[in-house]
C-alpha atoms as a PDB file:
ATOM      1  CA  MET A   1      39.800  -0.904   6.754  1.00  0.00           C
ATOM      2  CA  SER A   2      38.899   0.630   3.540  1.00  0.00           C
ATOM      3  CA  LYS A   3      36.479   3.816   3.204  1.00  0.00           C
ATOM      4  CA  ASP A   4      34.445   1.659   0.906  1.00  0.00           C
ATOM      5  CA  ARG A   5      34.251  -1.140   3.158  1.00  0.00           C
ATOM      6  CA  ILE A   6      33.072   1.098   6.014  1.00  0.00           C
ATOM      7  CA  TYR A   7      30.539   2.455   3.424  1.00  0.00           C
ATOM      8  CA  GLU A   8      29.276  -1.112   2.670  1.00  0.00           C
ATOM      9  CA  ILE A   9      28.934  -1.629   6.615  1.00  0.00           C
ATOM     10  CA  ILE A  10      26.776   1.427   7.097  1.00  0.00           C
ATOM     11  CA  VAL A  11      24.470   0.458   4.045  1.00  0.00           C
ATOM     12  CA  GLY A  12      23.998  -2.859   5.815  1.00  0.00           C
ATOM     13  CA  HIS A  13      23.127  -1.265   9.008  1.00  0.00           C
ATOM     14  CA  THR A  14      20.851   0.999   7.125  1.00  0.00           C
ATOM     15  CA  ARG A  15      19.045  -1.838   5.741  1.00  0.00           C
ATOM     16  CA  GLU A  16      18.615  -3.130   9.078  1.00  0.00           C
ATOM     17  CA  VAL A  17      17.480  -0.400  10.625  1.00  0.00           C
ATOM     18  CA  VAL A  18      15.082   0.889   8.080  1.00  0.00           C
ATOM     19  CA  PRO A  19      13.751  -2.138   6.438  1.00  0.00           C
ATOM     20  CA  SER A  20      11.703  -0.274   3.792  1.00  0.00           C
ATOM     21  CA  LEU A  21      15.169   0.365   2.346  1.00  0.00           C
ATOM     22  CA  ASP A  22      16.040  -3.186   1.571  1.00  0.00           C
ATOM     23  CA  GLY A  23      15.832  -2.954  -2.391  1.00  0.00           C
ATOM     24  CA  HIS A  24      17.169   0.742  -2.468  1.00  0.00           C
ATOM     25  CA  PRO A  25      20.285   1.019  -4.752  1.00  0.00           C
ATOM     26  CA  PHE A  26      22.246   3.089  -2.396  1.00  0.00           C
ATOM     27  CA  GLN A  27      24.799   5.679  -3.715  1.00  0.00           C
ATOM     28  CA  GLN A  28      27.543   7.402  -1.360  1.00  0.00           C
ATOM     29  CA  THR A  29      25.556  10.823  -2.082  1.00  0.00           C
ATOM     30  CA  ASP A  30      22.474   9.495  -0.293  1.00  0.00           C
ATOM     31  CA  SER A  31      21.529  11.260   2.740  1.00  0.00           C
ATOM     32  CA  LEU A  32      19.964   9.014   5.872  1.00  0.00           C
ATOM     33  CA  LYS A  33      17.887  11.819   6.657  1.00  0.00           C
ATOM     34  CA  ALA A  34      16.351  12.146   2.762  1.00  0.00           C
ATOM     35  CA  LEU A  35      16.158   8.166   2.788  1.00  0.00           C
ATOM     36  CA  GLY A  36      13.503   8.597   5.786  1.00  0.00           C
ATOM     37  CA  ALA A  37      15.837   7.742   8.569  1.00  0.00           C
ATOM     38  CA  ASN A  38      14.640   9.734  11.684  1.00  0.00           C
ATOM     39  CA  SER A  39      17.285  11.144  14.344  1.00  0.00           C
ATOM     40  CA  ILE A  40      17.041   7.806  16.517  1.00  0.00           C
ATOM     41  CA  ASP A  41      17.419   5.483  13.258  1.00  0.00           C
ATOM     42  CA  ARG A  42      20.558   7.517  12.332  1.00  0.00           C
ATOM     43  CA  ALA A  43      22.105   7.287  15.631  1.00  0.00           C
ATOM     44  CA  ASP A  44      21.311   3.579  15.678  1.00  0.00           C
ATOM     45  CA  ILE A  45      23.015   3.123  12.388  1.00  0.00           C
ATOM     46  CA  ILE A  46      26.349   5.038  13.367  1.00  0.00           C
ATOM     47  CA  MET A  47      26.401   3.286  16.966  1.00  0.00           C
ATOM     48  CA  MET A  48      25.877  -0.063  15.068  1.00  0.00           C
ATOM     49  CA  THR A  49      28.640   0.911  12.284  1.00  0.00           C
ATOM     50  CA  LEU A  50      31.126   1.824  15.237  1.00  0.00           C
ATOM     51  CA  GLU A  51      30.428  -1.408  17.283  1.00  0.00           C
ATOM     52  CA  SER A  52      31.032  -3.618  14.016  1.00  0.00           C
ATOM     53  CA  LEU A  53      34.182  -1.716  13.411  1.00  0.00           C
ATOM     54  CA  GLU A  54      34.849  -1.880  17.154  1.00  0.00           C
ATOM     55  CA  LEU A  55      35.584   2.127  17.088  1.00  0.00           C
ATOM     56  CA  ASP A  56      34.829   4.538  19.843  1.00  0.00           C
ATOM     57  CA  ILE A  57      34.250   7.969  17.941  1.00  0.00           C
ATOM     58  CA  PRO A  58      31.745  10.411  19.555  1.00  0.00           C
ATOM     59  CA  LEU A  59      28.444  10.839  17.499  1.00  0.00           C
ATOM     60  CA  MET A  60      28.964  14.600  17.680  1.00  0.00           C
ATOM     61  CA  LEU A  61      31.888  14.395  15.649  1.00  0.00           C
ATOM     62  CA  LEU A  62      30.139  12.445  12.840  1.00  0.00           C
ATOM     63  CA  ALA A  63      26.786  14.439  13.008  1.00  0.00           C
ATOM     64  CA  LYS A  64      28.483  16.768  10.385  1.00  0.00           C
ATOM     65  CA  ALA A  65      28.153  14.114   7.655  1.00  0.00           C
ATOM     66  CA  ASP A  66      26.069  15.350   4.917  1.00  0.00           C
ATOM     67  CA  ASN A  67      25.667  11.521   3.233  1.00  0.00           C
ATOM     68  CA  ILE A  68      26.728   8.296   3.759  1.00  0.00           C
ATOM     69  CA  GLY A  69      29.942   8.688   1.823  1.00  0.00           C
ATOM     70  CA  ASP A  70      30.783  11.765   3.916  1.00  0.00           C
ATOM     71  CA  LEU A  71      29.922   9.547   7.126  1.00  0.00           C
ATOM     72  CA  ALA A  72      32.314   6.732   5.642  1.00  0.00           C
ATOM     73  CA  ARG A  73      35.041   9.052   5.241  1.00  0.00           C
ATOM     74  CA  MET A  74      34.872  10.542   8.533  1.00  0.00           C
ATOM     75  CA  ILE A  75      34.853   7.153  10.137  1.00  0.00           C
ATOM     76  CA  HIS A  76      37.909   6.013   8.015  1.00  0.00           C
ATOM     77  CA  GLU A  77      39.954   9.133   8.951  1.00  0.00           C
ATOM     78  CA  LYS A  78      39.332   8.826  12.655  1.00  0.00           C
ATOM     79  CA  SER A  79      39.895   4.932  12.581  1.00  0.00           C
END
């Protein structure tokens, strides 16, 4: 799966977990934390994304991502 498709899946789950971001024009440089997602929200978004992609990647490996684009890249590299 392409990195761009993974990014789209992350954005979709972010909108689901943080409904106030429904109309937000997401950028790859957006930080989930800066967008208002707390630590539980961020973990939920990552777990939902991994489940959607049927991947088993330890969350600790993905915790180093600075923004949504980095997260998509990291998941893509480990898939």
